[in-house]
Structures are given as structure tokens and as C-alpha cells.
Amino acid sequence: TYINMLQAAIAGQGVGLAGNPLVDPYLADGSLIRV
């Protein structure tokens, strides 16, 4: 699931392939950064 993938990325388990607009809140608060 996309939700599990994002949560795994936030937890530092690996690099995720994500898309805006869904990932935008985590980019804004620094939980995730673009490579």
C-alpha cells in the first residue's frame, strides 16, 4: 500500500517513490526530503 510505503520512508527504512500532492505535508515539515 502507498500508505505503508510512506510510513516506512518516514521511519528511515528506505527510499520511497512518492508524489505530490500526497507527500507535500511531509516535505513541508521536514519528515521527508526530496533526493
PDB file of all heavy atoms in Angstrom:
ATOM      1  N   THR A   1       0.839  -1.199   0.000  1.00  0.00           N
ATOM      2  CA  THR A   1       0.000   0.000   0.000  1.00  0.00           C
ATOM      3  C   THR A   1       0.876   1.252   0.000  1.00  0.00           C
ATOM      4  O   THR A   1       1.985   1.243   0.553  1.00  0.00           O
ATOM      5  CB  THR A   1      -0.949   0.079   1.215  1.00  0.00           C
ATOM      6  OG1 THR A   1      -0.209   0.391   2.393  1.00  0.00           O
ATOM      7  CG2 THR A   1      -1.721  -1.222   1.405  1.00  0.00           C
ATOM      8  N   TYR A   2       0.344   2.299  -0.603  1.00  0.00           N
ATOM      9  CA  TYR A   2       1.055   3.570  -0.656  1.00  0.00           C
ATOM     10  C   TYR A   2       1.271   4.126   0.747  1.00  0.00           C
ATOM     11  O   TYR A   2       2.327   4.683   1.062  1.00  0.00           O
ATOM     12  CB  TYR A   2       0.242   4.550  -1.502  1.00  0.00           C
ATOM     13  CG  TYR A   2       0.934   5.852  -1.821  1.00  0.00           C
ATOM     14  CD1 TYR A   2       1.711   5.991  -2.959  1.00  0.00           C
ATOM     15  CD2 TYR A   2       0.796   6.966  -0.987  1.00  0.00           C
ATOM     16  CE1 TYR A   2       2.344   7.190  -3.265  1.00  0.00           C
ATOM     17  CE2 TYR A   2       1.416   8.161  -1.284  1.00  0.00           C
ATOM     18  CZ  TYR A   2       2.190   8.266  -2.423  1.00  0.00           C
ATOM     19  OH  TYR A   2       2.802   9.459  -2.699  1.00  0.00           O
ATOM     20  N   ILE A   3       0.259   3.958   1.610  1.00  0.00           N
ATOM     21  CA  ILE A   3       0.366   4.464   2.982  1.00  0.00           C
ATOM     22  C   ILE A   3       1.510   3.785   3.723  1.00  0.00           C
ATOM     23  O   ILE A   3       2.319   4.444   4.388  1.00  0.00           O
ATOM     24  CB  ILE A   3      -0.971   4.257   3.727  1.00  0.00           C
ATOM     25  CG1 ILE A   3      -2.042   5.177   3.134  1.00  0.00           C
ATOM     26  CG2 ILE A   3      -0.821   4.520   5.218  1.00  0.00           C
ATOM     27  CD1 ILE A   3      -3.426   4.965   3.712  1.00  0.00           C
ATOM     28  N   ASN A   4       1.616   2.451   3.603  1.00  0.00           N
ATOM     29  CA  ASN A   4       2.702   1.734   4.266  1.00  0.00           C
ATOM     30  C   ASN A   4       4.063   2.141   3.718  1.00  0.00           C
ATOM     31  O   ASN A   4       5.049   2.224   4.461  1.00  0.00           O
ATOM     32  CB  ASN A   4       2.513   0.228   4.105  1.00  0.00           C
ATOM     33  CG  ASN A   4       1.383  -0.308   4.948  1.00  0.00           C
ATOM     34  OD1 ASN A   4       0.938   0.354   5.885  1.00  0.00           O
ATOM     35  ND2 ASN A   4       0.893  -1.485   4.622  1.00  0.00           N
ATOM     36  N   MET A   5       4.117   2.396   2.416  1.00  0.00           N
ATOM     37  CA  MET A   5       5.377   2.813   1.815  1.00  0.00           C
ATOM     38  C   MET A   5       5.834   4.154   2.380  1.00  0.00           C
ATOM     39  O   MET A   5       6.996   4.325   2.749  1.00  0.00           O
ATOM     40  CB  MET A   5       5.218   2.886   0.294  1.00  0.00           C
ATOM     41  CG  MET A   5       6.510   3.207  -0.461  1.00  0.00           C
ATOM     42  SD  MET A   5       6.851   4.983  -0.589  1.00  0.00           S
ATOM     43  CE  MET A   5       5.528   5.504  -1.657  1.00  0.00           C
ATOM     44  N   LEU A   6       4.906   5.122   2.469  1.00  0.00           N
ATOM     45  CA  LEU A   6       5.281   6.426   3.004  1.00  0.00           C
ATOM     46  C   LEU A   6       5.691   6.330   4.477  1.00  0.00           C
ATOM     47  O   LEU A   6       6.655   6.973   4.903  1.00  0.00           O
ATOM     48  CB  LEU A   6       4.118   7.413   2.858  1.00  0.00           C
ATOM     49  CG  LEU A   6       4.052   8.234   1.572  1.00  0.00           C
ATOM     50  CD1 LEU A   6       2.980   9.302   1.686  1.00  0.00           C
ATOM     51  CD2 LEU A   6       5.384   8.872   1.230  1.00  0.00           C
ATOM     52  N   GLN A   7       4.976   5.525   5.247  1.00  0.00           N
ATOM     53  CA  GLN A   7       5.324   5.379   6.657  1.00  0.00           C
ATOM     54  C   GLN A   7       6.701   4.733   6.817  1.00  0.00           C
ATOM     55  O   GLN A   7       7.475   5.115   7.701  1.00  0.00           O
ATOM     56  CB  GLN A   7       4.258   4.559   7.381  1.00  0.00           C
ATOM     57  CG  GLN A   7       2.916   5.257   7.489  1.00  0.00           C
ATOM     58  CD  GLN A   7       3.025   6.638   8.136  1.00  0.00           C
ATOM     59  OE1 GLN A   7       3.642   6.799   9.182  1.00  0.00           O
ATOM     60  NE2 GLN A   7       2.437   7.643   7.502  1.00  0.00           N
ATOM     61  N   ALA A   8       7.015   3.777   5.961  1.00  0.00           N
ATOM     62  CA  ALA A   8       8.339   3.157   6.005  1.00  0.00           C
ATOM     63  C   ALA A   8       9.425   4.159   5.644  1.00  0.00           C
ATOM     64  O   ALA A   8      10.505   4.176   6.244  1.00  0.00           O
ATOM     65  CB  ALA A   8       8.380   1.956   5.059  1.00  0.00           C
ATOM     66  N   ALA A   9       9.141   5.030   4.672  1.00  0.00           N
ATOM     67  CA  ALA A   9      10.113   6.060   4.294  1.00  0.00           C
ATOM     68  C   ALA A   9      10.315   7.046   5.435  1.00  0.00           C
ATOM     69  O   ALA A   9      11.456   7.422   5.754  1.00  0.00           O
ATOM     70  CB  ALA A   9       9.634   6.785   3.031  1.00  0.00           C
ATOM     71  N   ILE A  10       9.225   7.476   6.078  1.00  0.00           N
ATOM     72  CA  ILE A  10       9.323   8.415   7.196  1.00  0.00           C
ATOM     73  C   ILE A  10      10.132   7.804   8.346  1.00  0.00           C
ATOM     74  O   ILE A  10      10.891   8.493   9.032  1.00  0.00           O
ATOM     75  CB  ILE A  10       7.907   8.818   7.667  1.00  0.00           C
ATOM     76  CG1 ILE A  10       7.234   9.678   6.601  1.00  0.00           C
ATOM     77  CG2 ILE A  10       7.960   9.581   8.994  1.00  0.00           C
ATOM     78  CD1 ILE A  10       5.748   9.875   6.838  1.00  0.00           C
ATOM     79  N   ALA A  11       9.984   6.482   8.526  1.00  0.00           N
ATOM     80  CA  ALA A  11      10.702   5.795   9.602  1.00  0.00           C
ATOM     81  C   ALA A  11      12.173   5.562   9.277  1.00  0.00           C
ATOM     82  O   ALA A  11      12.917   5.040  10.108  1.00  0.00           O
ATOM     83  CB  ALA A  11      10.025   4.469   9.910  1.00  0.00           C
ATOM     84  N   GLY A  12      12.593   5.942   8.060  1.00  0.00           N
ATOM     85  CA  GLY A  12      14.001   5.794   7.697  1.00  0.00           C
ATOM     86  C   GLY A  12      14.380   4.410   7.223  1.00  0.00           C
ATOM     87  O   GLY A  12      15.556   4.040   7.240  1.00  0.00           O
ATOM     88  N   GLN A  13      13.388   3.631   6.763  1.00  0.00           N
ATOM     89  CA  GLN A  13      13.657   2.253   6.352  1.00  0.00           C
ATOM     90  C   GLN A  13      14.134   2.141   4.907  1.00  0.00           C
ATOM     91  O   GLN A  13      14.566   1.070   4.480  1.00  0.00           O
ATOM     92  CB  GLN A  13      12.414   1.399   6.554  1.00  0.00           C
ATOM     93  CG  GLN A  13      11.995   1.279   8.007  1.00  0.00           C
ATOM     94  CD  GLN A  13      10.717   0.487   8.176  1.00  0.00           C
ATOM     95  OE1 GLN A  13      10.307  -0.246   7.274  1.00  0.00           O
ATOM     96  NE2 GLN A  13      10.070   0.627   9.322  1.00  0.00           N
ATOM     97  N   GLY A  14      14.050   3.222   4.149  1.00  0.00           N
ATOM     98  CA  GLY A  14      14.494   3.173   2.772  1.00  0.00           C
ATOM     99  C   GLY A  14      14.062   4.401   2.003  1.00  0.00           C
ATOM    100  O   GLY A  14      13.486   5.340   2.563  1.00  0.00           O
ATOM    101  N   VAL A  15      14.352   4.384   0.703  1.00  0.00           N
ATOM    102  CA  VAL A  15      13.993   5.493  -0.183  1.00  0.00           C
ATOM    103  C   VAL A  15      12.670   5.154  -0.859  1.00  0.00           C
ATOM    104  O   VAL A  15      12.512   4.071  -1.432  1.00  0.00           O
ATOM    105  CB  VAL A  15      15.080   5.729  -1.237  1.00  0.00           C
ATOM    106  CG1 VAL A  15      14.717   6.935  -2.116  1.00  0.00           C
ATOM    107  CG2 VAL A  15      16.436   5.939  -0.585  1.00  0.00           C
ATOM    108  N   GLY A  16      11.707   6.058  -0.768  1.00  0.00           N
ATOM    109  CA  GLY A  16      10.406   5.833  -1.383  1.00  0.00           C
ATOM    110  C   GLY A  16      10.230   6.637  -2.648  1.00  0.00           C
ATOM    111  O   GLY A  16      10.864   7.684  -2.834  1.00  0.00           O
ATOM    112  N   LEU A  17       9.365   6.143  -3.523  1.00  0.00           N
ATOM    113  CA  LEU A  17       8.989   6.884  -4.728  1.00  0.00           C
ATOM    114  C   LEU A  17       7.595   7.432  -4.472  1.00  0.00           C
ATOM    115  O   LEU A  17       6.614   6.689  -4.464  1.00  0.00           O
ATOM    116  CB  LEU A  17       8.999   5.959  -5.944  1.00  0.00           C
ATOM    117  CG  LEU A  17       8.748   6.627  -7.303  1.00  0.00           C
ATOM    118  CD1 LEU A  17       9.815   7.664  -7.604  1.00  0.00           C
ATOM    119  CD2 LEU A  17       8.681   5.582  -8.407  1.00  0.00           C
ATOM    120  N   ALA A  18       7.522   8.716  -4.232  1.00  0.00           N
ATOM    121  CA  ALA A  18       6.251   9.331  -3.801  1.00  0.00           C
ATOM    122  C   ALA A  18       5.881  10.464  -4.739  1.00  0.00           C
ATOM    123  O   ALA A  18       6.678  10.904  -5.569  1.00  0.00           O
ATOM    124  CB  ALA A  18       6.360   9.829  -2.369  1.00  0.00           C
ATOM    125  N   GLY A  19       4.665  10.944  -4.578  1.00  0.00           N
ATOM    126  CA  GLY A  19       4.197  12.013  -5.462  1.00  0.00           C
ATOM    127  C   GLY A  19       3.465  13.102  -4.725  1.00  0.00           C
ATOM    128  O   GLY A  19       2.872  12.873  -3.678  1.00  0.00           O
ATOM    129  N   ASN A  20       3.564  14.309  -5.296  1.00  0.00           N
ATOM    130  CA  ASN A  20       2.714  15.372  -4.787  1.00  0.00           C
ATOM    131  C   ASN A  20       1.358  15.230  -5.488  1.00  0.00           C
ATOM    132  O   ASN A  20       1.286  14.673  -6.588  1.00  0.00           O
ATOM    133  CB  ASN A  20       3.341  16.754  -5.052  1.00  0.00           C
ATOM    134  CG  ASN A  20       3.481  17.050  -6.530  1.00  0.00           C
ATOM    135  OD1 ASN A  20       3.305  16.207  -7.387  1.00  0.00           O
ATOM    136  ND2 ASN A  20       3.811  18.266  -6.852  1.00  0.00           N
ATOM    137  N   PRO A  21       0.289  15.597  -4.852  1.00  0.00           N
ATOM    138  CA  PRO A  21       0.225  16.406  -3.634  1.00  0.00           C
ATOM    139  C   PRO A  21       0.250  15.618  -2.320  1.00  0.00           C
ATOM    140  O   PRO A  21       0.311  16.208  -1.260  1.00  0.00           O
ATOM    141  CB  PRO A  21      -1.129  17.103  -3.773  1.00  0.00           C
ATOM    142  CG  PRO A  21      -1.971  16.063  -4.458  1.00  0.00           C
ATOM    143  CD  PRO A  21      -1.054  15.389  -5.439  1.00  0.00           C
ATOM    144  N   LEU A  22       0.213  14.274  -2.393  1.00  0.00           N
ATOM    145  CA  LEU A  22       0.055  13.499  -1.170  1.00  0.00           C
ATOM    146  C   LEU A  22       1.253  13.605  -0.236  1.00  0.00           C
ATOM    147  O   LEU A  22       1.104  13.560   0.990  1.00  0.00           O
ATOM    148  CB  LEU A  22      -0.209  12.028  -1.514  1.00  0.00           C
ATOM    149  CG  LEU A  22      -1.408  11.743  -2.436  1.00  0.00           C
ATOM    150  CD1 LEU A  22      -1.690  10.258  -2.502  1.00  0.00           C
ATOM    151  CD2 LEU A  22      -2.649  12.488  -1.966  1.00  0.00           C
ATOM    152  N   VAL A  23       2.434  13.766  -0.789  1.00  0.00           N
ATOM    153  CA  VAL A  23       3.629  13.797   0.050  1.00  0.00           C
ATOM    154  C   VAL A  23       3.967  15.209   0.538  1.00  0.00           C
ATOM    155  O   VAL A  23       4.834  15.396   1.390  1.00  0.00           O
ATOM    156  CB  VAL A  23       4.820  13.194  -0.728  1.00  0.00           C
ATOM    157  CG1 VAL A  23       5.371  14.198  -1.755  1.00  0.00           C
ATOM    158  CG2 VAL A  23       5.930  12.751   0.216  1.00  0.00           C
ATOM    159  N   ASP A  24       3.263  16.214   0.032  1.00  0.00           N
ATOM    160  CA  ASP A  24       3.602  17.608   0.332  1.00  0.00           C
ATOM    161  C   ASP A  24       3.665  17.940   1.824  1.00  0.00           C
ATOM    162  O   ASP A  24       4.585  18.655   2.251  1.00  0.00           O
ATOM    163  CB  ASP A  24       2.619  18.552  -0.374  1.00  0.00           C
ATOM    164  CG  ASP A  24       2.824  18.569  -1.884  1.00  0.00           C
ATOM    165  OD1 ASP A  24       3.827  17.990  -2.344  1.00  0.00           O
ATOM    166  OD2 ASP A  24       1.984  19.142  -2.598  1.00  0.00           O
ATOM    167  N   PRO A  25       2.731  17.464   2.668  1.00  0.00           N
ATOM    168  CA  PRO A  25       2.829  17.813   4.094  1.00  0.00           C
ATOM    169  C   PRO A  25       4.118  17.334   4.749  1.00  0.00           C
ATOM    170  O   PRO A  25       4.664  18.008   5.628  1.00  0.00           O
ATOM    171  CB  PRO A  25       1.606  17.110   4.712  1.00  0.00           C
ATOM    172  CG  PRO A  25       0.657  16.925   3.583  1.00  0.00           C
ATOM    173  CD  PRO A  25       1.508  16.702   2.375  1.00  0.00           C
ATOM    174  N   TYR A  26       4.635  16.199   4.310  1.00  0.00           N
ATOM    175  CA  TYR A  26       5.854  15.652   4.913  1.00  0.00           C
ATOM    176  C   TYR A  26       7.106  16.363   4.398  1.00  0.00           C
ATOM    177  O   TYR A  26       8.115  16.449   5.094  1.00  0.00           O
ATOM    178  CB  TYR A  26       5.926  14.154   4.646  1.00  0.00           C
ATOM    179  CG  TYR A  26       4.761  13.428   5.284  1.00  0.00           C
ATOM    180  CD1 TYR A  26       3.674  13.020   4.513  1.00  0.00           C
ATOM    181  CD2 TYR A  26       4.721  13.201   6.655  1.00  0.00           C
ATOM    182  CE1 TYR A  26       2.588  12.387   5.092  1.00  0.00           C
ATOM    183  CE2 TYR A  26       3.642  12.566   7.239  1.00  0.00           C
ATOM    184  CZ  TYR A  26       2.583  12.170   6.463  1.00  0.00           C
ATOM    185  OH  TYR A  26       1.511  11.554   7.044  1.00  0.00           O
ATOM    186  N   LEU A  27       7.022  16.879   3.180  1.00  0.00           N
ATOM    187  CA  LEU A  27       8.120  17.716   2.689  1.00  0.00           C
ATOM    188  C   LEU A  27       8.134  19.049   3.431  1.00  0.00           C
ATOM    189  O   LEU A  27       9.190  19.590   3.755  1.00  0.00           O
ATOM    190  CB  LEU A  27       7.977  17.950   1.183  1.00  0.00           C
ATOM    191  CG  LEU A  27       8.048  16.713   0.285  1.00  0.00           C
ATOM    192  CD1 LEU A  27       7.775  17.099  -1.164  1.00  0.00           C
ATOM    193  CD2 LEU A  27       9.394  16.016   0.402  1.00  0.00           C
ATOM    194  N   ALA A  28       6.929  19.554   3.719  1.00  0.00           N
ATOM    195  CA  ALA A  28       6.818  20.853   4.398  1.00  0.00           C
ATOM    196  C   ALA A  28       7.331  20.795   5.834  1.00  0.00           C
ATOM    197  O   ALA A  28       7.986  21.735   6.301  1.00  0.00           O
ATOM    198  CB  ALA A  28       5.366  21.328   4.377  1.00  0.00           C
ATOM    199  N   ASP A  29       7.067  19.686   6.545  1.00  0.00           N
ATOM    200  CA  ASP A  29       7.509  19.630   7.950  1.00  0.00           C
ATOM    201  C   ASP A  29       8.863  18.963   8.131  1.00  0.00           C
ATOM    202  O   ASP A  29       9.345  18.815   9.254  1.00  0.00           O
ATOM    203  CB  ASP A  29       6.450  18.947   8.828  1.00  0.00           C
ATOM    204  CG  ASP A  29       6.276  17.452   8.515  1.00  0.00           C
ATOM    205  OD1 ASP A  29       7.140  16.850   7.851  1.00  0.00           O
ATOM    206  OD2 ASP A  29       5.252  16.881   8.958  1.00  0.00           O
ATOM    207  N   GLY A  30       9.486  18.556   7.022  1.00  0.00           N
ATOM    208  CA  GLY A  30      10.829  18.000   7.105  1.00  0.00           C
ATOM    209  C   GLY A  30      10.900  16.520   7.421  1.00  0.00           C
ATOM    210  O   GLY A  30      12.001  15.967   7.554  1.00  0.00           O
ATOM    211  N   SER A  31       9.743  15.852   7.540  1.00  0.00           N
ATOM    212  CA  SER A  31       9.762  14.408   7.792  1.00  0.00           C
ATOM    213  C   SER A  31      10.394  13.659   6.621  1.00  0.00           C
ATOM    214  O   SER A  31      11.012  12.605   6.798  1.00  0.00           O
ATOM    215  CB  SER A  31       8.337  13.884   8.018  1.00  0.00           C
ATOM    216  OG  SER A  31       7.739  14.503   9.120  1.00  0.00           O
ATOM    217  N   LEU A  32      10.218  14.207   5.419  1.00  0.00           N
ATOM    218  CA  LEU A  32      10.813  13.639   4.223  1.00  0.00           C
ATOM    219  C   LEU A  32      11.466  14.760   3.419  1.00  0.00           C
ATOM    220  O   LEU A  32      11.032  15.914   3.488  1.00  0.00           O
ATOM    221  CB  LEU A  32       9.762  12.939   3.354  1.00  0.00           C
ATOM    222  CG  LEU A  32       9.126  11.670   3.913  1.00  0.00           C
ATOM    223  CD1 LEU A  32       7.954  11.229   3.025  1.00  0.00           C
ATOM    224  CD2 LEU A  32      10.149  10.542   4.025  1.00  0.00           C
ATOM    225  N   ILE A  33      12.488  14.422   2.675  1.00  0.00           N
ATOM    226  CA  ILE A  33      13.133  15.384   1.779  1.00  0.00           C
ATOM    227  C   ILE A  33      13.266  14.758   0.397  1.00  0.00           C
ATOM    228  O   ILE A  33      13.353  13.524   0.265  1.00  0.00           O
ATOM    229  CB  ILE A  33      14.519  15.819   2.300  1.00  0.00           C
ATOM    230  CG1 ILE A  33      15.422  14.598   2.503  1.00  0.00           C
ATOM    231  CG2 ILE A  33      14.391  16.628   3.584  1.00  0.00           C
ATOM    232  CD1 ILE A  33      16.841  14.949   2.895  1.00  0.00           C
ATOM    233  N   ARG A  34      13.241  15.588  -0.619  1.00  0.00           N
ATOM    234  CA  ARG A  34      13.462  15.104  -1.974  1.00  0.00           C
ATOM    235  C   ARG A  34      14.935  14.796  -2.184  1.00  0.00           C
ATOM    236  O   ARG A  34      15.814  15.537  -1.744  1.00  0.00           O
ATOM    237  CB  ARG A  34      13.010  16.139  -2.997  1.00  0.00           C
ATOM    238  CG  ARG A  34      11.517  16.335  -3.056  1.00  0.00           C
ATOM    239  CD  ARG A  34      11.108  17.321  -4.139  1.00  0.00           C
ATOM    240  NE  ARG A  34      11.487  16.892  -5.487  1.00  0.00           N
ATOM    241  CZ  ARG A  34      10.939  17.327  -6.613  1.00  0.00           C
ATOM    242  NH1 ARG A  34       9.978  18.235  -6.543  1.00  0.00           N
ATOM    243  NH2 ARG A  34      11.328  16.883  -7.775  1.00  0.00           N
ATOM    244  N   VAL A  35      15.182  13.684  -2.863  1.00  0.00           N
ATOM    245  CA  VAL A  35      16.562  13.359  -3.208  1.00  0.00           C
ATOM    246  C   VAL A  35      16.981  14.279  -4.348  1.00  0.00           C
ATOM    247  O   VAL A  35      16.328  14.325  -5.395  1.00  0.00           O
ATOM    248  CB  VAL A  35      16.689  11.884  -3.627  1.00  0.00           C
ATOM    249  CG1 VAL A  35      18.122  11.580  -4.057  1.00  0.00           C
ATOM    250  CG2 VAL A  35      16.265  10.968  -2.485  1.00  0.00           C
TER     251      VAL A  35
END
